[in-house]
Amino acid sequence: MKILLANDRLDTQAEPLLKEKKQVITHLHLAGQTVIPMQKSAMTVTVVPVHGRVVFATANDKTEIYPGKVVVMLPNEAHRLEALEDSDVIMIHYKLAE
C-alpha cells in the first residue's frame, strides 16, 4: 500500500504525488479564473475535483466539474480546464493493460 498526501497549502500550480511508468498522479491547484489551454495526454486520464468548481472542456463538449462529479478521458483526447473559483483537482494518468 502507498499513502499519497497532497499539500493543502499548495502555492504552485502542480504537485506530483506519484510518477511511475504506467501511472502518474498529480494534485493541481488552480486559482480562480486560471485557464489551462487545450492539451492532450497519451494516457487515459481521470480528473477528480476535490475542492471548487472547474469547467472541463474537450473539442466537442464542456461541463462544470466539482467534488462528486468525475471526468474520464481517453488517450489523446484534447482538453482544457478553467477554474471558476479557487480549486483543487487530482489528475490520474494511467495506461490500461493491453
C-alpha atoms as a PDB file:
ATOM      1  CA  MET A   1       0.000   0.000   0.000  1.00  0.00           C
ATOM      2  CA  LYS A   2       1.162   3.536  -0.784  1.00  0.00           C
ATOM      3  CA  ILE A   3      -0.191   6.575   1.017  1.00  0.00           C
ATOM      4  CA  LEU A   4      -0.099   9.794  -1.016  1.00  0.00           C
ATOM      5  CA  LEU A   5      -0.705  13.094   0.760  1.00  0.00           C
ATOM      6  CA  ALA A   6      -1.490  16.290  -1.142  1.00  0.00           C
ATOM      7  CA  ASN A   7      -0.353  19.613   0.299  1.00  0.00           C
ATOM      8  CA  ASP A   8      -3.453  21.600   1.276  1.00  0.00           C
ATOM      9  CA  ARG A   9      -1.434  24.825   1.233  1.00  0.00           C
ATOM     10  CA  LEU A  10      -0.059  24.459  -2.273  1.00  0.00           C
ATOM     11  CA  ASP A  11       1.306  27.723  -3.698  1.00  0.00           C
ATOM     12  CA  THR A  12       2.386  26.333  -7.036  1.00  0.00           C
ATOM     13  CA  GLN A  13       0.036  25.015  -9.708  1.00  0.00           C
ATOM     14  CA  ALA A  14       1.079  21.340  -9.917  1.00  0.00           C
ATOM     15  CA  GLU A  15       2.281  18.957  -7.221  1.00  0.00           C
ATOM     16  CA  PRO A  16       3.439  15.497  -8.336  1.00  0.00           C
ATOM     17  CA  LEU A  17       2.151  12.805  -5.953  1.00  0.00           C
ATOM     18  CA  LEU A  18       3.234   9.672  -7.850  1.00  0.00           C
ATOM     19  CA  LYS A  19       5.219   9.088 -11.011  1.00  0.00           C
ATOM     20  CA  GLU A  20       5.581   5.567 -12.375  1.00  0.00           C
ATOM     21  CA  LYS A  21       5.932   4.149 -15.881  1.00  0.00           C
ATOM     22  CA  LYS A  22       2.194   3.454 -16.312  1.00  0.00           C
ATOM     23  CA  GLN A  23       0.675   5.850 -13.783  1.00  0.00           C
ATOM     24  CA  VAL A  24       1.108   9.497 -12.857  1.00  0.00           C
ATOM     25  CA  ILE A  25      -0.932  11.205 -10.146  1.00  0.00           C
ATOM     26  CA  THR A  26      -0.820  14.988  -9.811  1.00  0.00           C
ATOM     27  CA  HIS A  27      -2.511  17.402  -7.429  1.00  0.00           C
ATOM     28  CA  LEU A  28      -3.429  20.509  -9.399  1.00  0.00           C
ATOM     29  CA  HIS A  29      -4.207  23.754  -7.582  1.00  0.00           C
ATOM     30  CA  LEU A  30      -5.928  26.341  -9.757  1.00  0.00           C
ATOM     31  CA  ALA A  31      -6.530  29.889  -8.565  1.00  0.00           C
ATOM     32  CA  GLY A  32      -9.893  31.258  -9.649  1.00  0.00           C
ATOM     33  CA  GLN A  33     -10.002  32.254 -13.342  1.00  0.00           C
ATOM     34  CA  THR A  34      -6.879  30.197 -14.175  1.00  0.00           C
ATOM     35  CA  VAL A  35      -7.074  28.579 -17.628  1.00  0.00           C
ATOM     36  CA  ILE A  36      -5.048  25.567 -18.690  1.00  0.00           C
ATOM     37  CA  PRO A  37      -5.085  25.659 -22.511  1.00  0.00           C
ATOM     38  CA  MET A  38      -6.050  22.781 -24.805  1.00  0.00           C
ATOM     39  CA  GLN A  39      -3.636  19.844 -24.438  1.00  0.00           C
ATOM     40  CA  LYS A  40      -3.522  16.047 -24.824  1.00  0.00           C
ATOM     41  CA  SER A  41      -2.255  13.112 -22.793  1.00  0.00           C
ATOM     42  CA  ALA A  42      -1.077   9.812 -24.288  1.00  0.00           C
ATOM     43  CA  MET A  43      -2.666   8.073 -21.286  1.00  0.00           C
ATOM     44  CA  THR A  44      -6.223   7.587 -20.048  1.00  0.00           C
ATOM     45  CA  VAL A  45      -6.976  10.364 -17.545  1.00  0.00           C
ATOM     46  CA  THR A  46      -9.390  10.535 -14.624  1.00  0.00           C
ATOM     47  CA  VAL A  47      -9.991  14.033 -13.222  1.00  0.00           C
ATOM     48  CA  VAL A  48     -11.234  14.090  -9.626  1.00  0.00           C
ATOM     49  CA  PRO A  49     -12.231  17.505  -8.230  1.00  0.00           C
ATOM     50  CA  VAL A  50     -11.502  17.835  -4.515  1.00  0.00           C
ATOM     51  CA  HIS A  51     -12.459  21.473  -3.942  1.00  0.00           C
ATOM     52  CA  GLY A  52     -14.019  24.233  -6.034  1.00  0.00           C
ATOM     53  CA  ARG A  53     -15.595  24.351  -9.492  1.00  0.00           C
ATOM     54  CA  VAL A  54     -13.816  23.863 -12.828  1.00  0.00           C
ATOM     55  CA  VAL A  55     -15.068  23.954 -16.413  1.00  0.00           C
ATOM     56  CA  PHE A  56     -13.649  20.923 -18.208  1.00  0.00           C
ATOM     57  CA  ALA A  57     -13.822  21.145 -21.999  1.00  0.00           C
ATOM     58  CA  THR A  58     -12.940  18.953 -24.973  1.00  0.00           C
ATOM     59  CA  ALA A  59     -13.077  19.911 -28.637  1.00  0.00           C
ATOM     60  CA  ASN A  60     -16.774  18.949 -28.772  1.00  0.00           C
ATOM     61  CA  ASP A  61     -18.162  19.327 -25.251  1.00  0.00           C
ATOM     62  CA  LYS A  62     -17.777  21.065 -21.917  1.00  0.00           C
ATOM     63  CA  THR A  63     -19.084  20.514 -18.403  1.00  0.00           C
ATOM     64  CA  GLU A  64     -18.637  22.005 -14.969  1.00  0.00           C
ATOM     65  CA  ILE A  65     -16.997  19.588 -12.541  1.00  0.00           C
ATOM     66  CA  TYR A  66     -16.968  19.779  -8.750  1.00  0.00           C
ATOM     67  CA  PRO A  67     -16.462  17.323  -5.862  1.00  0.00           C
ATOM     68  CA  GLY A  68     -18.514  14.228  -6.651  1.00  0.00           C
ATOM     69  CA  LYS A  69     -18.519  14.759 -10.454  1.00  0.00           C
ATOM     70  CA  VAL A  70     -15.571  12.984 -12.116  1.00  0.00           C
ATOM     71  CA  VAL A  71     -14.393  13.035 -15.754  1.00  0.00           C
ATOM     72  CA  VAL A  72     -12.633  10.160 -17.554  1.00  0.00           C
ATOM     73  CA  MET A  73     -10.851  10.867 -20.864  1.00  0.00           C
ATOM     74  CA  LEU A  74      -9.456   8.542 -23.477  1.00  0.00           C
ATOM     75  CA  PRO A  75      -5.814   8.773 -24.579  1.00  0.00           C
ATOM     76  CA  ASN A  76      -5.038  11.711 -26.894  1.00  0.00           C
ATOM     77  CA  GLU A  77      -8.367  13.452 -26.215  1.00  0.00           C
ATOM     78  CA  ALA A  78      -7.763  17.205 -26.378  1.00  0.00           C
ATOM     79  CA  HIS A  79      -8.974  19.010 -23.256  1.00  0.00           C
ATOM     80  CA  ARG A  80      -8.730  22.273 -21.318  1.00  0.00           C
ATOM     81  CA  LEU A  81      -9.605  23.425 -17.801  1.00  0.00           C
ATOM     82  CA  GLU A  82     -10.830  26.739 -16.435  1.00  0.00           C
ATOM     83  CA  ALA A  83     -11.167  27.338 -12.697  1.00  0.00           C
ATOM     84  CA  LEU A  84     -14.355  29.218 -11.847  1.00  0.00           C
ATOM     85  CA  GLU A  85     -13.040  29.682  -8.296  1.00  0.00           C
ATOM     86  CA  ASP A  86     -10.006  28.527  -6.330  1.00  0.00           C
ATOM     87  CA  SER A  87      -9.986  24.782  -6.990  1.00  0.00           C
ATOM     88  CA  ASP A  88      -8.034  21.592  -6.379  1.00  0.00           C
ATOM     89  CA  VAL A  89      -8.205  18.531  -8.609  1.00  0.00           C
ATOM     90  CA  ILE A  90      -6.396  15.212  -8.642  1.00  0.00           C
ATOM     91  CA  MET A  91      -5.335  14.163 -12.157  1.00  0.00           C
ATOM     92  CA  ILE A  92      -4.745  10.416 -12.531  1.00  0.00           C
ATOM     93  CA  HIS A  93      -2.978   9.462 -15.790  1.00  0.00           C
ATOM     94  CA  TYR A  94      -2.685   5.753 -16.464  1.00  0.00           C
ATOM     95  CA  LYS A  95      -2.113   3.156 -19.167  1.00  0.00           C
ATOM     96  CA  LEU A  96      -4.616   0.330 -19.136  1.00  0.00           C
ATOM     97  CA  ALA A  97      -3.347  -3.209 -19.603  1.00  0.00           C
ATOM     98  CA  GLU A  98      -3.217  -4.189 -23.257  1.00  0.00           C
END
